[in-house]
Amino acid sequence: MALEHGTKAPSIKAPADSGGTYSLASAKGSWVVLYFYPKDDTSGCTAEACDFRDSMASLTKRGVSVVGVSPDSPSSHDKFKAKYDLNFTLVSDEDHAVCESYDTWKQKSMYGRTYMGVERTTYIIDPKGKIVATFEKVKVKGHVDEVIARLDELGA
């Protein structure tokens, strides 16, 4: 079950692409689209990342930053960003701590096999650090448009 709207977004301080560290606290005062995805350079994750990339001008003019989170390593994120010219931060969550704090690390099943993995989820965090919108079990096609529409409703 996703985190409730109006609650303070759990803090994040984790390794990011380009050898940096991402801290959600550094984004206070700005809107953040925090999206969780299973794996770099797979078809759905690539489509989602490229949709965010292609919508960046529209998002940044609203004062919104986009942050992607997956269990991949920072070096995997660097390759993914370079390959697709991604223009936003990717956070590495190899120990699943961030995913667990945002309730996106779930038991999944495929072909009769169960395993733990990231459930594709997006949160919108307002400038005060509160969760104001949640998209669970995201379907990639049209998702970024839904996020932008919700940001418009929220006055971002």
N, C-alpha and C. Protein backbone atom coordinates (compact mmCIF):
# COMPACT_ATOMS: atom_id res chain seq x y z
N MET A 1 0.85 -1.18 0.00
CA MET A 1 0.00 0.00 0.00
C MET A 1 0.89 1.24 0.00
N ALA A 2 0.60 2.17 -0.87
CA ALA A 2 1.41 3.37 -1.01
C ALA A 2 1.32 4.25 0.22
N LEU A 3 2.27 5.14 0.35
CA LEU A 3 2.28 6.10 1.45
C LEU A 3 1.10 7.06 1.28
N GLU A 4 0.55 7.49 2.40
CA GLU A 4 -0.64 8.34 2.36
C GLU A 4 -0.31 9.77 1.94
N HIS A 5 -1.25 10.36 1.22
CA HIS A 5 -1.11 11.76 0.82
C HIS A 5 -1.12 12.63 2.08
N GLY A 6 -0.34 13.68 2.05
CA GLY A 6 -0.26 14.59 3.18
C GLY A 6 0.82 14.21 4.18
N THR A 7 1.38 13.01 4.05
CA THR A 7 2.45 12.61 4.97
C THR A 7 3.79 13.12 4.44
N LYS A 8 4.70 13.31 5.35
CA LYS A 8 6.05 13.75 4.99
C LYS A 8 6.72 12.64 4.20
N ALA A 9 7.33 12.99 3.10
CA ALA A 9 8.05 12.01 2.28
C ALA A 9 9.26 11.50 3.08
N PRO A 10 9.47 10.18 3.10
CA PRO A 10 10.65 9.65 3.79
C PRO A 10 11.93 10.26 3.22
N SER A 11 12.89 10.50 4.09
CA SER A 11 14.14 11.10 3.64
C SER A 11 14.90 10.12 2.75
N ILE A 12 15.67 10.70 1.87
CA ILE A 12 16.52 9.91 0.98
C ILE A 12 17.90 10.53 1.00
N LYS A 13 18.89 9.71 1.21
CA LYS A 13 20.28 10.11 1.01
C LYS A 13 20.96 8.85 0.48
N ALA A 14 21.19 8.83 -0.83
CA ALA A 14 21.66 7.61 -1.47
C ALA A 14 22.60 7.95 -2.63
N PRO A 15 23.41 6.97 -3.03
CA PRO A 15 24.30 7.19 -4.18
C PRO A 15 23.48 7.48 -5.44
N ALA A 16 24.02 8.34 -6.27
CA ALA A 16 23.36 8.69 -7.52
C ALA A 16 24.33 8.54 -8.68
N ASP A 17 23.83 8.78 -9.86
CA ASP A 17 24.68 8.71 -11.04
C ASP A 17 25.81 9.74 -10.95
N SER A 18 26.77 9.60 -11.80
CA SER A 18 27.92 10.53 -11.89
C SER A 18 28.72 10.63 -10.61
N GLY A 19 28.64 9.61 -9.76
CA GLY A 19 29.44 9.58 -8.53
C GLY A 19 28.92 10.46 -7.42
N GLY A 20 27.76 11.01 -7.58
CA GLY A 20 27.21 11.91 -6.57
C GLY A 20 26.35 11.19 -5.55
N THR A 21 25.77 12.00 -4.67
CA THR A 21 24.80 11.53 -3.68
C THR A 21 23.56 12.38 -3.83
N TYR A 22 22.40 11.73 -3.78
CA TYR A 22 21.16 12.48 -3.85
C TYR A 22 20.55 12.54 -2.47
N SER A 23 20.10 13.74 -2.10
CA SER A 23 19.40 13.95 -0.85
C SER A 23 18.08 14.65 -1.15
N LEU A 24 16.98 14.05 -0.73
CA LEU A 24 15.68 14.67 -0.95
C LEU A 24 15.60 16.02 -0.23
N ALA A 25 16.29 16.14 0.88
CA ALA A 25 16.28 17.40 1.63
C ALA A 25 16.78 18.56 0.78
N SER A 26 17.67 18.29 -0.17
CA SER A 26 18.21 19.35 -1.01
C SER A 26 17.16 19.89 -1.98
N ALA A 27 16.06 19.16 -2.15
CA ALA A 27 15.00 19.59 -3.06
C ALA A 27 13.88 20.36 -2.36
N LYS A 28 14.02 20.53 -1.04
CA LYS A 28 12.96 21.23 -0.30
C LYS A 28 12.74 22.61 -0.93
N GLY A 29 11.48 22.97 -1.06
CA GLY A 29 11.13 24.22 -1.72
C GLY A 29 10.81 24.04 -3.19
N SER A 30 10.98 22.81 -3.70
CA SER A 30 10.68 22.50 -5.10
C SER A 30 9.77 21.29 -5.18
N TRP A 31 9.09 21.17 -6.30
CA TRP A 31 8.29 19.99 -6.58
C TRP A 31 9.22 18.87 -7.04
N VAL A 32 8.92 17.64 -6.63
CA VAL A 32 9.72 16.48 -7.04
C VAL A 32 8.80 15.39 -7.54
N VAL A 33 9.12 14.85 -8.71
CA VAL A 33 8.49 13.63 -9.20
C VAL A 33 9.51 12.53 -8.94
N LEU A 34 9.16 11.66 -8.02
CA LEU A 34 10.04 10.57 -7.61
C LEU A 34 9.44 9.28 -8.16
N TYR A 35 10.16 8.70 -9.13
CA TYR A 35 9.58 7.49 -9.72
C TYR A 35 10.50 6.30 -9.51
N PHE A 36 9.88 5.18 -9.19
CA PHE A 36 10.57 3.93 -8.90
C PHE A 36 10.36 2.98 -10.08
N TYR A 37 11.44 2.40 -10.54
CA TYR A 37 11.36 1.50 -11.70
C TYR A 37 12.26 0.29 -11.45
N PRO A 38 11.95 -0.85 -12.10
CA PRO A 38 12.67 -2.08 -11.79
C PRO A 38 14.13 -2.16 -12.24
N LYS A 39 14.44 -1.77 -13.50
CA LYS A 39 15.79 -2.07 -13.99
C LYS A 39 16.17 -1.18 -15.17
N ASP A 40 17.41 -0.69 -15.12
CA ASP A 40 17.96 0.10 -16.22
C ASP A 40 17.95 -0.70 -17.52
N ASP A 41 17.73 0.02 -18.61
CA ASP A 41 17.92 -0.51 -19.96
C ASP A 41 17.06 -1.73 -20.29
N THR A 42 15.85 -1.78 -19.72
CA THR A 42 14.87 -2.78 -20.12
C THR A 42 13.76 -2.02 -20.85
N SER A 43 12.94 -2.71 -21.58
CA SER A 43 12.02 -2.02 -22.50
C SER A 43 11.09 -1.03 -21.79
N GLY A 44 10.36 -1.46 -20.77
CA GLY A 44 9.43 -0.57 -20.09
C GLY A 44 10.13 0.56 -19.36
N CYS A 45 11.22 0.24 -18.70
CA CYS A 45 11.95 1.25 -17.93
C CYS A 45 12.59 2.28 -18.85
N THR A 46 13.08 1.82 -20.00
CA THR A 46 13.66 2.75 -20.97
C THR A 46 12.58 3.67 -21.53
N ALA A 47 11.44 3.11 -21.87
CA ALA A 47 10.34 3.94 -22.41
C ALA A 47 9.91 4.99 -21.39
N GLU A 48 9.80 4.59 -20.13
CA GLU A 48 9.39 5.54 -19.09
C GLU A 48 10.43 6.64 -18.92
N ALA A 49 11.70 6.26 -18.85
CA ALA A 49 12.77 7.24 -18.68
C ALA A 49 12.82 8.20 -19.86
N CYS A 50 12.68 7.68 -21.08
CA CYS A 50 12.72 8.54 -22.26
C CYS A 50 11.51 9.47 -22.31
N ASP A 51 10.35 9.01 -21.84
CA ASP A 51 9.19 9.90 -21.76
C ASP A 51 9.45 11.05 -20.78
N PHE A 52 10.04 10.75 -19.62
CA PHE A 52 10.39 11.83 -18.70
C PHE A 52 11.41 12.76 -19.34
N ARG A 53 12.43 12.19 -19.98
CA ARG A 53 13.45 13.01 -20.66
C ARG A 53 12.80 13.95 -21.67
N ASP A 54 11.91 13.42 -22.48
CA ASP A 54 11.30 14.21 -23.54
C ASP A 54 10.33 15.27 -23.01
N SER A 55 9.90 15.12 -21.77
CA SER A 55 8.96 16.07 -21.16
C SER A 55 9.65 17.02 -20.18
N MET A 56 10.98 16.97 -20.14
CA MET A 56 11.72 17.75 -19.14
C MET A 56 11.48 19.25 -19.25
N ALA A 57 11.40 19.79 -20.45
CA ALA A 57 11.19 21.24 -20.59
C ALA A 57 9.87 21.64 -19.93
N SER A 58 8.85 20.86 -20.17
CA SER A 58 7.54 21.13 -19.58
C SER A 58 7.57 21.01 -18.05
N LEU A 59 8.31 20.03 -17.56
CA LEU A 59 8.40 19.83 -16.11
C LEU A 59 9.24 20.91 -15.43
N THR A 60 10.39 21.24 -16.01
CA THR A 60 11.26 22.23 -15.36
C THR A 60 10.63 23.62 -15.36
N LYS A 61 9.82 23.95 -16.39
CA LYS A 61 9.17 25.27 -16.38
C LYS A 61 8.15 25.37 -15.26
N ARG A 62 7.70 24.22 -14.73
CA ARG A 62 6.79 24.17 -13.60
C ARG A 62 7.56 24.13 -12.27
N GLY A 63 8.89 24.12 -12.34
CA GLY A 63 9.70 24.04 -11.13
C GLY A 63 9.78 22.64 -10.56
N VAL A 64 9.67 21.64 -11.43
CA VAL A 64 9.65 20.24 -11.01
C VAL A 64 10.97 19.58 -11.37
N SER A 65 11.52 18.81 -10.41
CA SER A 65 12.67 17.96 -10.73
C SER A 65 12.20 16.51 -10.75
N VAL A 66 12.84 15.72 -11.57
CA VAL A 66 12.51 14.30 -11.71
C VAL A 66 13.67 13.49 -11.17
N VAL A 67 13.34 12.47 -10.38
CA VAL A 67 14.35 11.58 -9.82
C VAL A 67 13.86 10.15 -10.01
N GLY A 68 14.69 9.34 -10.66
CA GLY A 68 14.38 7.93 -10.84
C GLY A 68 15.14 7.10 -9.82
N VAL A 69 14.51 6.05 -9.29
CA VAL A 69 15.13 5.18 -8.28
C VAL A 69 14.99 3.73 -8.73
N SER A 70 16.09 3.01 -8.73
CA SER A 70 16.06 1.57 -8.99
C SER A 70 17.19 0.90 -8.21
N PRO A 71 17.15 -0.43 -8.13
CA PRO A 71 18.21 -1.14 -7.40
C PRO A 71 19.53 -1.23 -8.17
N ASP A 72 19.60 -0.66 -9.36
CA ASP A 72 20.83 -0.74 -10.15
C ASP A 72 21.96 0.08 -9.51
N SER A 73 23.18 -0.27 -9.86
CA SER A 73 24.36 0.41 -9.33
C SER A 73 24.52 1.79 -9.97
N PRO A 74 25.30 2.66 -9.33
CA PRO A 74 25.57 3.97 -9.95
C PRO A 74 26.22 3.83 -11.33
N SER A 75 27.10 2.85 -11.52
CA SER A 75 27.74 2.70 -12.84
C SER A 75 26.72 2.25 -13.89
N SER A 76 25.76 1.42 -13.50
CA SER A 76 24.69 1.05 -14.42
C SER A 76 23.87 2.28 -14.79
N HIS A 77 23.58 3.12 -13.80
CA HIS A 77 22.84 4.36 -14.07
C HIS A 77 23.62 5.26 -15.02
N ASP A 78 24.93 5.36 -14.83
CA ASP A 78 25.75 6.20 -15.72
C ASP A 78 25.64 5.72 -17.17
N LYS A 79 25.71 4.41 -17.38
CA LYS A 79 25.61 3.86 -18.74
C LYS A 79 24.22 4.11 -19.32
N PHE A 80 23.19 3.89 -18.50
CA PHE A 80 21.80 4.10 -18.92
C PHE A 80 21.58 5.56 -19.31
N LYS A 81 22.05 6.48 -18.47
CA LYS A 81 21.90 7.91 -18.76
C LYS A 81 22.60 8.30 -20.05
N ALA A 82 23.83 7.80 -20.22
CA ALA A 82 24.60 8.14 -21.42
C ALA A 82 23.95 7.57 -22.68
N LYS A 83 23.51 6.33 -22.61
CA LYS A 83 22.92 5.66 -23.78
C LYS A 83 21.68 6.38 -24.28
N TYR A 84 20.86 6.89 -23.34
CA TYR A 84 19.58 7.51 -23.72
C TYR A 84 19.54 9.01 -23.48
N ASP A 85 20.69 9.61 -23.16
CA ASP A 85 20.79 11.05 -22.95
C ASP A 85 19.76 11.54 -21.94
N LEU A 86 19.68 10.84 -20.81
CA LEU A 86 18.71 11.19 -19.77
C LEU A 86 19.17 12.44 -19.04
N ASN A 87 18.24 13.32 -18.75
CA ASN A 87 18.55 14.65 -18.22
C ASN A 87 17.98 14.87 -16.82
N PHE A 88 18.03 13.83 -16.01
CA PHE A 88 17.57 13.92 -14.63
C PHE A 88 18.35 12.92 -13.79
N THR A 89 18.24 13.03 -12.48
CA THR A 89 19.01 12.21 -11.55
C THR A 89 18.46 10.80 -11.44
N LEU A 90 19.37 9.83 -11.39
CA LEU A 90 19.02 8.44 -11.12
C LEU A 90 19.70 8.04 -9.81
N VAL A 91 18.91 7.53 -8.89
CA VAL A 91 19.39 7.14 -7.57
C VAL A 91 19.55 5.62 -7.52
N SER A 92 20.67 5.19 -6.95
CA SER A 92 20.96 3.77 -6.78
C SER A 92 20.48 3.30 -5.41
N ASP A 93 19.68 2.26 -5.42
CA ASP A 93 19.12 1.72 -4.18
C ASP A 93 19.42 0.22 -4.10
N GLU A 94 20.70 -0.10 -4.12
CA GLU A 94 21.12 -1.50 -4.16
C GLU A 94 20.67 -2.31 -2.95
N ASP A 95 20.53 -1.66 -1.80
CA ASP A 95 20.09 -2.39 -0.60
C ASP A 95 18.58 -2.32 -0.39
N HIS A 96 17.88 -1.66 -1.31
CA HIS A 96 16.41 -1.57 -1.31
C HIS A 96 15.83 -0.73 -0.17
N ALA A 97 16.67 -0.01 0.55
CA ALA A 97 16.21 0.78 1.70
C ALA A 97 15.25 1.89 1.28
N VAL A 98 15.56 2.57 0.17
CA VAL A 98 14.68 3.65 -0.29
C VAL A 98 13.36 3.05 -0.78
N CYS A 99 13.46 1.99 -1.57
CA CYS A 99 12.24 1.32 -2.06
C CYS A 99 11.38 0.84 -0.90
N GLU A 100 12.00 0.29 0.11
CA GLU A 100 11.23 -0.18 1.27
C GLU A 100 10.57 0.98 2.00
N SER A 101 11.27 2.10 2.14
CA SER A 101 10.69 3.23 2.86
C SER A 101 9.52 3.85 2.09
N TYR A 102 9.50 3.68 0.77
CA TYR A 102 8.40 4.18 -0.06
C TYR A 102 7.42 3.06 -0.45
N ASP A 103 7.58 1.90 0.17
CA ASP A 103 6.69 0.76 -0.03
C ASP A 103 6.57 0.35 -1.50
N THR A 104 7.71 0.31 -2.20
CA THR A 104 7.70 -0.12 -3.60
C THR A 104 8.47 -1.43 -3.79
N TRP A 105 9.07 -1.97 -2.74
CA TRP A 105 9.78 -3.25 -2.80
C TRP A 105 8.76 -4.32 -2.43
N LYS A 106 8.33 -5.09 -3.43
CA LYS A 106 7.18 -5.98 -3.26
C LYS A 106 7.50 -7.39 -3.75
N GLN A 107 6.69 -8.32 -3.27
CA GLN A 107 6.75 -9.67 -3.82
C GLN A 107 6.01 -9.64 -5.15
N LYS A 108 6.66 -10.16 -6.18
CA LYS A 108 6.10 -10.19 -7.51
C LYS A 108 6.11 -11.63 -8.00
N SER A 109 5.41 -11.88 -9.08
CA SER A 109 5.47 -13.22 -9.65
C SER A 109 5.47 -13.13 -11.17
N MET A 110 6.20 -14.07 -11.78
CA MET A 110 6.27 -14.16 -13.22
C MET A 110 6.48 -15.62 -13.57
N TYR A 111 5.68 -16.11 -14.48
CA TYR A 111 5.78 -17.50 -14.92
C TYR A 111 5.76 -18.48 -13.75
N GLY A 112 4.91 -18.19 -12.75
CA GLY A 112 4.75 -19.08 -11.61
C GLY A 112 5.86 -18.98 -10.57
N ARG A 113 6.80 -18.08 -10.77
CA ARG A 113 7.92 -17.91 -9.83
C ARG A 113 7.72 -16.61 -9.07
N THR A 114 7.89 -16.64 -7.75
CA THR A 114 7.78 -15.41 -6.96
C THR A 114 9.18 -14.89 -6.62
N TYR A 115 9.28 -13.60 -6.54
CA TYR A 115 10.55 -12.94 -6.24
C TYR A 115 10.26 -11.55 -5.72
N MET A 116 11.26 -10.91 -5.13
CA MET A 116 11.12 -9.53 -4.66
C MET A 116 11.64 -8.58 -5.74
N GLY A 117 10.92 -7.49 -5.92
CA GLY A 117 11.33 -6.52 -6.93
C GLY A 117 10.60 -5.20 -6.74
N VAL A 118 10.93 -4.25 -7.58
CA VAL A 118 10.34 -2.92 -7.53
C VAL A 118 9.00 -2.93 -8.25
N GLU A 119 7.97 -2.44 -7.57
CA GLU A 119 6.68 -2.21 -8.21
C GLU A 119 6.72 -0.78 -8.75
N ARG A 120 6.53 -0.66 -10.05
CA ARG A 120 6.63 0.64 -10.71
C ARG A 120 5.62 1.61 -10.07
N THR A 121 6.14 2.64 -9.41
CA THR A 121 5.33 3.59 -8.64
C THR A 121 5.93 4.99 -8.80
N THR A 122 5.07 5.99 -8.83
CA THR A 122 5.53 7.38 -8.89
C THR A 122 4.86 8.17 -7.78
N TYR A 123 5.65 9.00 -7.11
CA TYR A 123 5.14 9.93 -6.09
C TYR A 123 5.41 11.35 -6.55
N ILE A 124 4.46 12.24 -6.27
CA ILE A 124 4.70 13.67 -6.42
C ILE A 124 4.83 14.22 -5.01
N ILE A 125 5.92 14.95 -4.79
CA ILE A 125 6.23 15.54 -3.49
C ILE A 125 6.19 17.06 -3.66
N ASP A 126 5.45 17.72 -2.78
CA ASP A 126 5.29 19.17 -2.91
C ASP A 126 6.50 19.91 -2.32
N PRO A 127 6.56 21.23 -2.49
CA PRO A 127 7.72 21.98 -2.01
C PRO A 127 7.93 21.92 -0.48
N LYS A 128 6.91 21.51 0.26
CA LYS A 128 7.05 21.37 1.71
C LYS A 128 7.52 19.98 2.11
N GLY A 129 7.74 19.12 1.12
CA GLY A 129 8.21 17.76 1.41
C GLY A 129 7.12 16.77 1.71
N LYS A 130 5.88 17.09 1.35
CA LYS A 130 4.74 16.20 1.59
C LYS A 130 4.37 15.44 0.31
N ILE A 131 3.94 14.21 0.49
CA ILE A 131 3.44 13.43 -0.63
C ILE A 131 2.04 13.93 -0.97
N VAL A 132 1.84 14.34 -2.23
CA VAL A 132 0.54 14.89 -2.62
C VAL A 132 -0.14 14.09 -3.73
N ALA A 133 0.57 13.16 -4.34
CA ALA A 133 -0.04 12.31 -5.36
C ALA A 133 0.78 11.03 -5.47
N THR A 134 0.08 9.94 -5.80
CA THR A 134 0.70 8.64 -5.94
C THR A 134 0.13 7.92 -7.15
N PHE A 135 0.99 7.31 -7.91
CA PHE A 135 0.59 6.47 -9.04
C PHE A 135 1.17 5.09 -8.77
N GLU A 136 0.31 4.12 -8.50
CA GLU A 136 0.76 2.76 -8.19
C GLU A 136 0.60 1.86 -9.42
N LYS A 137 1.42 0.81 -9.47
CA LYS A 137 1.35 -0.17 -10.56
C LYS A 137 1.25 0.55 -11.90
N VAL A 138 2.18 1.44 -12.12
CA VAL A 138 2.19 2.33 -13.28
C VAL A 138 2.26 1.53 -14.58
N LYS A 139 1.42 1.94 -15.51
CA LYS A 139 1.51 1.49 -16.90
C LYS A 139 2.28 2.59 -17.63
N VAL A 140 3.33 2.24 -18.32
CA VAL A 140 4.25 3.22 -18.88
C VAL A 140 3.59 4.14 -19.90
N LYS A 141 2.84 3.57 -20.82
CA LYS A 141 2.26 4.38 -21.90
C LYS A 141 1.31 5.42 -21.32
N GLY A 142 1.61 6.69 -21.57
CA GLY A 142 0.76 7.79 -21.11
C GLY A 142 1.00 8.23 -19.68
N HIS A 143 1.92 7.56 -18.98
CA HIS A 143 2.12 7.89 -17.56
C HIS A 143 2.64 9.31 -17.34
N VAL A 144 3.62 9.73 -18.11
CA VAL A 144 4.18 11.07 -17.90
C VAL A 144 3.11 12.13 -18.16
N ASP A 145 2.25 11.91 -19.12
CA ASP A 145 1.15 12.85 -19.36
C ASP A 145 0.22 12.92 -18.15
N GLU A 146 -0.04 11.76 -17.52
CA GLU A 146 -0.87 11.74 -16.30
C GLU A 146 -0.19 12.53 -15.18
N VAL A 147 1.12 12.37 -15.04
CA VAL A 147 1.87 13.08 -14.01
C VAL A 147 1.78 14.58 -14.24
N ILE A 148 1.97 15.01 -15.48
CA ILE A 148 1.92 16.44 -15.80
C ILE A 148 0.51 16.99 -15.54
N ALA A 149 -0.51 16.24 -15.91
CA ALA A 149 -1.89 16.68 -15.65
C ALA A 149 -2.13 16.83 -14.15
N ARG A 150 -1.62 15.90 -13.38
CA ARG A 150 -1.80 15.97 -11.91
C ARG A 150 -1.03 17.17 -11.35
N LEU A 151 0.16 17.41 -11.84
CA LEU A 151 0.94 18.59 -11.39
C LEU A 151 0.16 19.87 -11.70
N ASP A 152 -0.47 19.93 -12.85
CA ASP A 152 -1.28 21.10 -13.20
C ASP A 152 -2.43 21.26 -12.20
N GLU A 153 -3.10 20.15 -11.86
CA GLU A 153 -4.19 20.21 -10.89
C GLU A 153 -3.71 20.70 -9.53
N LEU A 154 -2.47 20.33 -9.19
CA LEU A 154 -1.90 20.70 -7.90
C LEU A 154 -1.32 22.11 -7.89
N GLY A 155 -1.27 22.74 -9.06
CA GLY A 155 -0.78 24.11 -9.14
C GLY A 155 0.73 24.25 -9.27
N ALA A 156 1.38 23.17 -9.71
CA ALA A 156 2.85 23.24 -9.90
C ALA A 156 3.17 24.03 -11.15
